C-alpha atoms as a PDB file:
ATOM      1  CA  MET A   1      -0.126  -0.034  -0.161  1.00  0.00           C
ATOM      2  CA  PHE A   2       0.977   3.462  -0.842  1.00  0.00           C
ATOM      3  CA  ASN A   3      -1.004   4.779   2.336  1.00  0.00           C
ATOM      4  CA  ILE A   4      -2.726   7.742   0.088  1.00  0.00           C
ATOM      5  CA  LYS A   5      -4.192  10.311   2.331  1.00  0.00           C
ATOM      6  CA  ASP A   6      -5.407  13.152   0.025  1.00  0.00           C
ATOM      7  CA  PRO A   7      -4.595  13.877  -3.667  1.00  0.00           C
ATOM      8  CA  ASN A   8      -1.284  15.584  -2.694  1.00  0.00           C
ATOM      9  CA  ASP A   9      -0.169  12.312  -2.115  1.00  0.00           C
ATOM     10  CA  VAL A  10      -0.564  11.189  -5.852  1.00  0.00           C
ATOM     11  CA  PRO A  11       1.530  12.427  -8.509  1.00  0.00           C
ATOM     12  CA  GLY A  12      -0.150  14.651 -11.022  1.00  0.00           C
ATOM     13  CA  TYR A  13       0.181  18.115 -13.276  1.00  0.00           C
ATOM     14  CA  ILE A  14      -3.141  19.743 -11.464  1.00  0.00           C
ATOM     15  CA  PHE A  15      -2.116  22.001  -8.217  1.00  0.00           C
ATOM     16  CA  GLN A  16      -3.968  22.989  -5.050  1.00  0.00           C
ATOM     17  CA  SER A  17      -6.514  25.503  -6.976  1.00  0.00           C
ATOM     18  CA  GLN A  18      -7.502  22.868  -9.428  1.00  0.00           C
ATOM     19  CA  ILE A  19      -7.806  20.373  -6.572  1.00  0.00           C
ATOM     20  CA  ASP A  20      -9.935  22.625  -4.921  1.00  0.00           C
ATOM     21  CA  GLN A  21     -12.114  23.469  -7.963  1.00  0.00           C
ATOM     22  CA  ILE A  22     -12.611  19.973  -8.867  1.00  0.00           C
ATOM     23  CA  GLN A  23     -13.834  19.061  -5.388  1.00  0.00           C
ATOM     24  CA  GLU A  24     -16.090  22.242  -5.092  1.00  0.00           C
ATOM     25  CA  LEU A  25     -17.678  21.678  -8.537  1.00  0.00           C
ATOM     26  CA  ALA A  26     -18.475  17.652  -7.379  1.00  0.00           C
ATOM     27  CA  LYS A  27     -20.024  18.768  -4.555  1.00  0.00           C
ATOM     28  CA  THR A  28     -22.677  20.826  -6.834  1.00  0.00           C
ATOM     29  CA  LEU A  29     -23.549  17.569  -8.741  1.00  0.00           C
ATOM     30  CA  PRO A  30     -26.890  16.096  -8.320  1.00  0.00           C
ATOM     31  CA  PRO A  31     -27.237  12.577  -6.325  1.00  0.00           C
ATOM     32  CA  ASN A  32     -26.568   9.956  -8.478  1.00  0.00           C
ATOM     33  CA  ALA A  33     -24.524  11.937 -11.133  1.00  0.00           C
ATOM     34  CA  ASN A  34     -22.780  10.569 -14.064  1.00  0.00           C
ATOM     35  CA  VAL A  35     -19.281  12.136 -14.219  1.00  0.00           C
ATOM     36  CA  LEU A  36     -16.946  11.185 -17.379  1.00  0.00           C
ATOM     37  CA  GLU A  37     -13.018  12.032 -16.921  1.00  0.00           C
ATOM     38  CA  ILE A  38     -10.981  12.004 -19.801  1.00  0.00           C
ATOM     39  CA  GLY A  39      -7.122  11.540 -18.900  1.00  0.00           C
ATOM     40  CA  CYS A  40      -6.030  10.668 -15.568  1.00  0.00           C
ATOM     41  CA  ALA A  41      -2.267  10.769 -15.720  1.00  0.00           C
ATOM     42  CA  TRP A  42      -1.710   9.132 -12.122  1.00  0.00           C
ATOM     43  CA  GLY A  43      -5.024   9.361 -10.606  1.00  0.00           C
ATOM     44  CA  ARG A  44      -4.287  12.702  -8.954  1.00  0.00           C
ATOM     45  CA  SER A  45      -7.546  14.230 -10.650  1.00  0.00           C
ATOM     46  CA  THR A  46      -9.665  11.045 -10.111  1.00  0.00           C
ATOM     47  CA  TRP A  47      -8.786  10.824  -6.475  1.00  0.00           C
ATOM     48  CA  CYS A  48     -10.622  14.532  -6.259  1.00  0.00           C
ATOM     49  CA  TRP A  49     -13.426  13.512  -7.932  1.00  0.00           C
ATOM     50  CA  LEU A  50     -13.909  10.456  -5.580  1.00  0.00           C
ATOM     51  CA  ASN A  51     -13.463  12.458  -2.785  1.00  0.00           C
ATOM     52  CA  ALA A  52     -16.388  14.949  -3.227  1.00  0.00           C
ATOM     53  CA  LEU A  53     -18.967  13.139  -5.555  1.00  0.00           C
ATOM     54  CA  PRO A  54     -22.324  12.660  -4.084  1.00  0.00           C
ATOM     55  CA  GLU A  55     -22.826   9.139  -2.761  1.00  0.00           C
ATOM     56  CA  GLY A  56     -24.863   7.023  -5.578  1.00  0.00           C
ATOM     57  CA  SER A  57     -22.638   8.953  -8.368  1.00  0.00           C
ATOM     58  CA  THR A  58     -20.533   7.150 -10.888  1.00  0.00           C
ATOM     59  CA  LEU A  59     -17.011   8.069 -12.192  1.00  0.00           C
ATOM     60  CA  THR A  60     -15.922   6.787 -15.552  1.00  0.00           C
ATOM     61  CA  THR A  61     -12.185   7.355 -16.349  1.00  0.00           C
ATOM     62  CA  VAL A  62     -10.996   6.957 -19.937  1.00  0.00           C
ATOM     63  CA  ASP A  63      -7.151   7.236 -20.635  1.00  0.00           C
ATOM     64  CA  ILE A  64      -4.618   5.503 -23.350  1.00  0.00           C
ATOM     65  CA  PHE A  65      -2.219   4.993 -20.820  1.00  0.00           C
ATOM     66  CA  MET A  66       0.453   5.483 -22.685  1.00  0.00           C
ATOM     67  CA  PHE A  67       3.023   7.694 -20.329  1.00  0.00           C
ATOM     68  CA  ASP A  68       6.424   6.605 -20.814  1.00  0.00           C
ATOM     69  CA  ASN A  69       7.347   5.015 -17.671  1.00  0.00           C
ATOM     70  CA  ARG A  70      11.536   4.898 -18.082  1.00  0.00           C
ATOM     71  CA  PRO A  71      12.960   7.051 -15.367  1.00  0.00           C
ATOM     72  CA  GLY A  72      13.588  10.617 -16.591  1.00  0.00           C
ATOM     73  CA  LYS A  73      10.965  13.488 -17.224  1.00  0.00           C
ATOM     74  CA  HIS A  74       7.944  12.577 -15.231  1.00  0.00           C
ATOM     75  CA  THR A  75       9.862  11.087 -12.520  1.00  0.00           C
ATOM     76  CA  LYS A  76      12.168  14.005 -12.098  1.00  0.00           C
ATOM     77  CA  ARG A  77       9.483  16.326 -12.224  1.00  0.00           C
ATOM     78  CA  MET A  78       7.313  15.037  -9.865  1.00  0.00           C
ATOM     79  CA  ALA A  79      10.299  14.718  -7.482  1.00  0.00           C
ATOM     80  CA  SER A  80      11.258  18.095  -7.827  1.00  0.00           C
ATOM     81  CA  TRP A  81       7.681  19.550  -7.780  1.00  0.00           C
ATOM     82  CA  TRP A  82       6.400  17.677  -4.923  1.00  0.00           C
ATOM     83  CA  LYS A  83       8.597  16.619  -2.508  1.00  0.00           C
ATOM     84  CA  ASN A  84       6.409  13.966  -1.004  1.00  0.00           C
ATOM     85  CA  PRO A  85       7.804  10.333  -0.319  1.00  0.00           C
ATOM     86  CA  VAL A  86       4.375   9.005  -0.928  1.00  0.00           C
ATOM     87  CA  VAL A  87       4.716  10.698  -4.752  1.00  0.00           C
ATOM     88  CA  ASP A  88       8.191   9.230  -4.800  1.00  0.00           C
ATOM     89  CA  GLN A  89       7.072   5.683  -3.915  1.00  0.00           C
ATOM     90  CA  ILE A  90       4.224   5.898  -6.409  1.00  0.00           C
ATOM     91  CA  MET A  91       6.451   6.919  -9.404  1.00  0.00           C
ATOM     92  CA  GLU A  92       8.716   4.043  -8.525  1.00  0.00           C
ATOM     93  CA  TYR A  93       6.128   1.541  -8.752  1.00  0.00           C
ATOM     94  CA  TYR A  94       4.900   3.352 -12.272  1.00  0.00           C
ATOM     95  CA  CYS A  95       8.335   3.200 -13.562  1.00  0.00           C
ATOM     96  CA  THR A  96       8.291  -0.715 -12.916  1.00  0.00           C
ATOM     97  CA  ASN A  97       4.739  -1.474 -13.390  1.00  0.00           C
ATOM     98  CA  GLY A  98       3.794   0.929 -15.829  1.00  0.00           C
ATOM     99  CA  GLN A  99       0.984   3.675 -15.989  1.00  0.00           C
ATOM    100  CA  GLU A 100      -2.476   1.752 -16.599  1.00  0.00           C
ATOM    101  CA  ALA A 101      -1.117  -0.731 -13.438  1.00  0.00           C
ATOM    102  CA  CYS A 102      -0.117   2.238 -10.986  1.00  0.00           C
ATOM    103  CA  VAL A 103      -3.541   3.982 -11.672  1.00  0.00           C
ATOM    104  CA  LYS A 104      -5.704   0.969 -10.558  1.00  0.00           C
ATOM    105  CA  LYS A 105      -3.161   0.381  -7.567  1.00  0.00           C
ATOM    106  CA  VAL A 106      -3.398   4.242  -6.686  1.00  0.00           C
ATOM    107  CA  LEU A 107      -7.485   3.851  -6.920  1.00  0.00           C
ATOM    108  CA  GLU A 108      -7.674   0.859  -5.459  1.00  0.00           C
ATOM    109  CA  GLU A 109      -6.608   2.801  -1.913  1.00  0.00           C
ATOM    110  CA  HIS A 110      -9.659   5.304  -2.288  1.00  0.00           C
ATOM    111  CA  PRO A 111     -12.112   4.600   0.831  1.00  0.00           C
ATOM    112  CA  ARG A 112     -14.819   5.697  -2.433  1.00  0.00           C
ATOM    113  CA  LYS A 113     -13.417   3.511  -5.011  1.00  0.00           C
ATOM    114  CA  HIS A 114     -17.079   1.773  -5.287  1.00  0.00           C
ATOM    115  CA  LEU A 115     -17.990   4.903  -6.934  1.00  0.00           C
ATOM    116  CA  ILE A 116     -15.786   3.917  -9.931  1.00  0.00           C
ATOM    117  CA  LYS A 117     -17.985   2.572 -12.907  1.00  0.00           C
ATOM    118  CA  GLU A 118     -15.193   1.887 -15.590  1.00  0.00           C
ATOM    119  CA  ILE A 119     -11.625   2.520 -16.136  1.00  0.00           C
ATOM    120  CA  TYR A 120     -11.495   2.389 -19.899  1.00  0.00           C
ATOM    121  CA  LYS A 121      -8.199   1.989 -21.531  1.00  0.00           C
ATOM    122  CA  GLY A 122      -8.675   3.568 -25.138  1.00  0.00           C
ATOM    123  CA  SER A 123      -9.016   6.983 -26.538  1.00  0.00           C
ATOM    124  CA  SER A 124     -12.019   9.200 -26.143  1.00  0.00           C
ATOM    125  CA  ARG A 125     -13.065   8.656 -29.659  1.00  0.00           C
ATOM    126  CA  SER A 126     -13.064   4.917 -29.140  1.00  0.00           C
ATOM    127  CA  PHE A 127     -15.053   5.330 -26.133  1.00  0.00           C
ATOM    128  CA  TYR A 128     -17.552   7.737 -27.453  1.00  0.00           C
ATOM    129  CA  GLU A 129     -18.200   5.488 -30.423  1.00  0.00           C
ATOM    130  CA  ARG A 130     -18.959   2.563 -27.674  1.00  0.00           C
ATOM    131  CA  HIS A 131     -21.373   5.093 -25.818  1.00  0.00           C
ATOM    132  CA  PRO A 132     -22.540   8.106 -28.327  1.00  0.00           C
ATOM    133  CA  GLN A 133     -26.276   8.581 -26.498  1.00  0.00           C
ATOM    134  CA  GLN A 134     -25.041   8.349 -22.876  1.00  0.00           C
ATOM    135  CA  GLN A 135     -25.856  11.256 -21.175  1.00  0.00           C
ATOM    136  CA  TRP A 136     -23.635  12.854 -18.602  1.00  0.00           C
ATOM    137  CA  ASP A 137     -24.130  15.205 -15.718  1.00  0.00           C
ATOM    138  CA  CYS A 138     -20.190  16.380 -15.840  1.00  0.00           C
ATOM    139  CA  VAL A 139     -17.385  15.827 -18.400  1.00  0.00           C
ATOM    140  CA  TYR A 140     -13.866  16.540 -17.522  1.00  0.00           C
ATOM    141  CA  LEU A 141     -11.390  17.303 -20.229  1.00  0.00           C
ATOM    142  CA  ASP A 142      -7.720  16.556 -19.306  1.00  0.00           C
ATOM    143  CA  GLY A 143      -6.732  14.649 -22.334  1.00  0.00           C
ATOM    144  CA  ASP A 144      -4.843  15.448 -25.482  1.00  0.00           C
ATOM    145  CA  HIS A 145      -4.793  19.002 -25.247  1.00  0.00           C
ATOM    146  CA  ALA A 146      -4.213  19.626 -29.191  1.00  0.00           C
ATOM    147  CA  TYR A 147      -6.903  21.943 -30.584  1.00  0.00           C
ATOM    148  CA  ASP A 148      -8.251  19.234 -32.939  1.00  0.00           C
ATOM    149  CA  ALA A 149      -7.966  16.834 -30.300  1.00  0.00           C
ATOM    150  CA  ILE A 150     -10.254  18.800 -27.949  1.00  0.00           C
ATOM    151  CA  LYS A 151     -12.558  20.524 -30.427  1.00  0.00           C
ATOM    152  CA  GLU A 152     -13.387  16.532 -31.329  1.00  0.00           C
ATOM    153  CA  ASP A 153     -14.276  16.036 -27.522  1.00  0.00           C
ATOM    154  CA  ILE A 154     -16.404  18.710 -27.057  1.00  0.00           C
ATOM    155  CA  LYS A 155     -18.345  17.967 -30.377  1.00  0.00           C
ATOM    156  CA  ASN A 156     -18.757  14.271 -29.079  1.00  0.00           C
ATOM    157  CA  PHE A 157     -19.563  14.834 -25.678  1.00  0.00           C
ATOM    158  CA  GLU A 158     -20.828  18.448 -25.525  1.00  0.00           C
ATOM    159  CA  PRO A 159     -24.479  17.977 -26.457  1.00  0.00           C
ATOM    160  CA  ASN A 160     -25.599  15.178 -23.858  1.00  0.00           C
ATOM    161  CA  THR A 161     -23.563  17.282 -21.152  1.00  0.00           C
ATOM    162  CA  LYS A 162     -24.865  19.377 -18.807  1.00  0.00           C
ATOM    163  CA  ILE A 163     -21.497  20.544 -17.495  1.00  0.00           C
ATOM    164  CA  ILE A 164     -18.380  20.073 -19.257  1.00  0.00           C
ATOM    165  CA  CYS A 165     -14.948  21.208 -17.595  1.00  0.00           C
ATOM    166  CA  GLY A 166     -11.416  20.820 -17.783  1.00  0.00           C
ATOM    167  CA  ASP A 167      -7.884  22.026 -17.133  1.00  0.00           C
ATOM    168  CA  ASP A 168      -5.188  24.079 -18.660  1.00  0.00           C
ATOM    169  CA  TYR A 169      -7.097  27.278 -19.801  1.00  0.00           C
ATOM    170  CA  GLU A 170      -3.931  29.281 -20.455  1.00  0.00           C
ATOM    171  CA  PRO A 171      -3.251  31.029 -23.654  1.00  0.00           C
ATOM    172  CA  ILE A 172       0.758  30.663 -23.686  1.00  0.00           C
ATOM    173  CA  THR A 173       1.240  26.988 -23.111  1.00  0.00           C
ATOM    174  CA  GLN A 174      -2.172  25.508 -24.241  1.00  0.00           C
ATOM    175  CA  PRO A 175      -3.527  27.867 -27.295  1.00  0.00           C
ATOM    176  CA  GLY A 176      -5.717  24.986 -28.760  1.00  0.00           C
ATOM    177  CA  VAL A 177      -7.349  24.416 -25.359  1.00  0.00           C
ATOM    178  CA  VAL A 178      -8.408  28.261 -25.014  1.00  0.00           C
ATOM    179  CA  GLN A 179      -9.311  28.343 -28.547  1.00  0.00           C
ATOM    180  CA  ALA A 180     -11.646  25.144 -28.563  1.00  0.00           C
ATOM    181  CA  VAL A 181     -13.382  26.179 -25.279  1.00  0.00           C
ATOM    182  CA  THR A 182     -14.061  29.786 -26.486  1.00  0.00           C
ATOM    183  CA  GLU A 183     -15.354  28.502 -29.630  1.00  0.00           C
ATOM    184  CA  MET A 184     -17.700  26.120 -27.682  1.00  0.00           C
ATOM    185  CA  THR A 185     -19.268  28.540 -25.749  1.00  0.00           C
ATOM    186  CA  LYS A 186     -19.998  31.047 -28.847  1.00  0.00           C
ATOM    187  CA  GLU A 187     -21.471  28.176 -31.067  1.00  0.00           C
ATOM    188  CA  THR A 188     -23.604  26.845 -28.110  1.00  0.00           C
ATOM    189  CA  GLY A 189     -24.584  29.765 -25.699  1.00  0.00           C
ATOM    190  CA  ARG A 190     -22.732  28.016 -22.609  1.00  0.00           C
ATOM    191  CA  THR A 191     -21.512  30.116 -20.025  1.00  0.00           C
ATOM    192  CA  LEU A 192     -17.809  29.914 -19.340  1.00  0.00           C
ATOM    193  CA  TRP A 193     -16.198  30.306 -15.851  1.00  0.00           C
ATOM    194  CA  VAL A 194     -12.390  30.375 -15.756  1.00  0.00           C
ATOM    195  CA  ASP A 195     -10.514  30.733 -12.230  1.00  0.00           C
ATOM    196  CA  PRO A 196     -10.010  34.480 -12.225  1.00  0.00           C
ATOM    197  CA  GLY A 197      -6.882  33.651 -10.181  1.00  0.00           C
ATOM    198  CA  MET A 198      -4.995  31.688 -13.012  1.00  0.00           C
ATOM    199  CA  LYS A 199      -6.522  32.368 -16.348  1.00  0.00           C
ATOM    200  CA  ASN A 200      -3.542  34.635 -17.641  1.00  0.00           C
ATOM    201  CA  GLY A 201      -1.030  31.852 -16.610  1.00  0.00           C
ATOM    202  CA  VAL A 202       0.968  32.844 -13.524  1.00  0.00           C
ATOM    203  CA  LYS A 203       5.012  31.564 -14.199  1.00  0.00           C
ATOM    204  CA  LYS A 204       6.455  30.929 -10.858  1.00  0.00           C
ATOM    205  CA  ASP A 205       9.684  28.953 -10.804  1.00  0.00           C
ATOM    206  CA  LYS A 206       9.263  27.903 -14.884  1.00  0.00           C
ATOM    207  CA  ILE A 207       5.925  26.591 -13.928  1.00  0.00           C
ATOM    208  CA  TYR A 208       2.694  27.666 -15.778  1.00  0.00           C
ATOM    209  CA  TYR A 209      -0.298  27.558 -13.267  1.00  0.00           C
ATOM    210  CA  ASN A 210      -3.163  26.749 -15.750  1.00  0.00           C
ATOM    211  CA  ALA A 211      -6.500  27.682 -14.645  1.00  0.00           C
ATOM    212  CA  PHE A 212      -9.514  25.223 -14.336  1.00  0.00           C
ATOM    213  CA  TRP A 213     -12.712  26.021 -16.449  1.00  0.00           C
ATOM    214  CA  VAL A 214     -16.543  25.129 -16.400  1.00  0.00           C
ATOM    215  CA  ALA A 215     -18.690  25.647 -19.458  1.00  0.00           C
ATOM    216  CA  ARG A 216     -22.535  25.289 -18.308  1.00  0.00           C
ATOM    217  CA  LYS A 217     -25.842  25.018 -20.033  1.00  0.00           C
END
């Protein structure tokens, strides 16, 4: 066991502001909410959703699970960013066993793991093709951030989703996200909220703290 106590014990690329925003949004969802997460990395954001979703909800997470698990970029970055021995232990397991096995082991420790409906290995496109009519209370987009990819995710999931949200609304490092989300709000009339403290990207120690965004019907 890793003895994970909270999301900060799980490796990942979301910061405390995003952790707080995910959990606050999850608390506002209706009982028995149906939530889809696209892109989970090592399970940090997944842990947040599980922490705060109303009882009776279901969470489906989708990832291609193709992170390079050789020691290097990810392991060094997680060690330098978080300076957390639990994170280091998880990354060691990841390097030996790969991303998919690591995520499943991390989530197995969550006391509300019973809310997980499915951990789907594959692209968001292939998942959508299996469930084209599925209705969602909330879809969280944190997969491929290229403009064409997020535009496709929005096209596929937006019509059947009450709330669509994601990370990395930041024009310098993630212009594709900003462009696709902005176009969605103009085309659909959704109301867009972006974390006002982070929407311009605050550069600190060469890290861009990218904003959480929410688009509601």
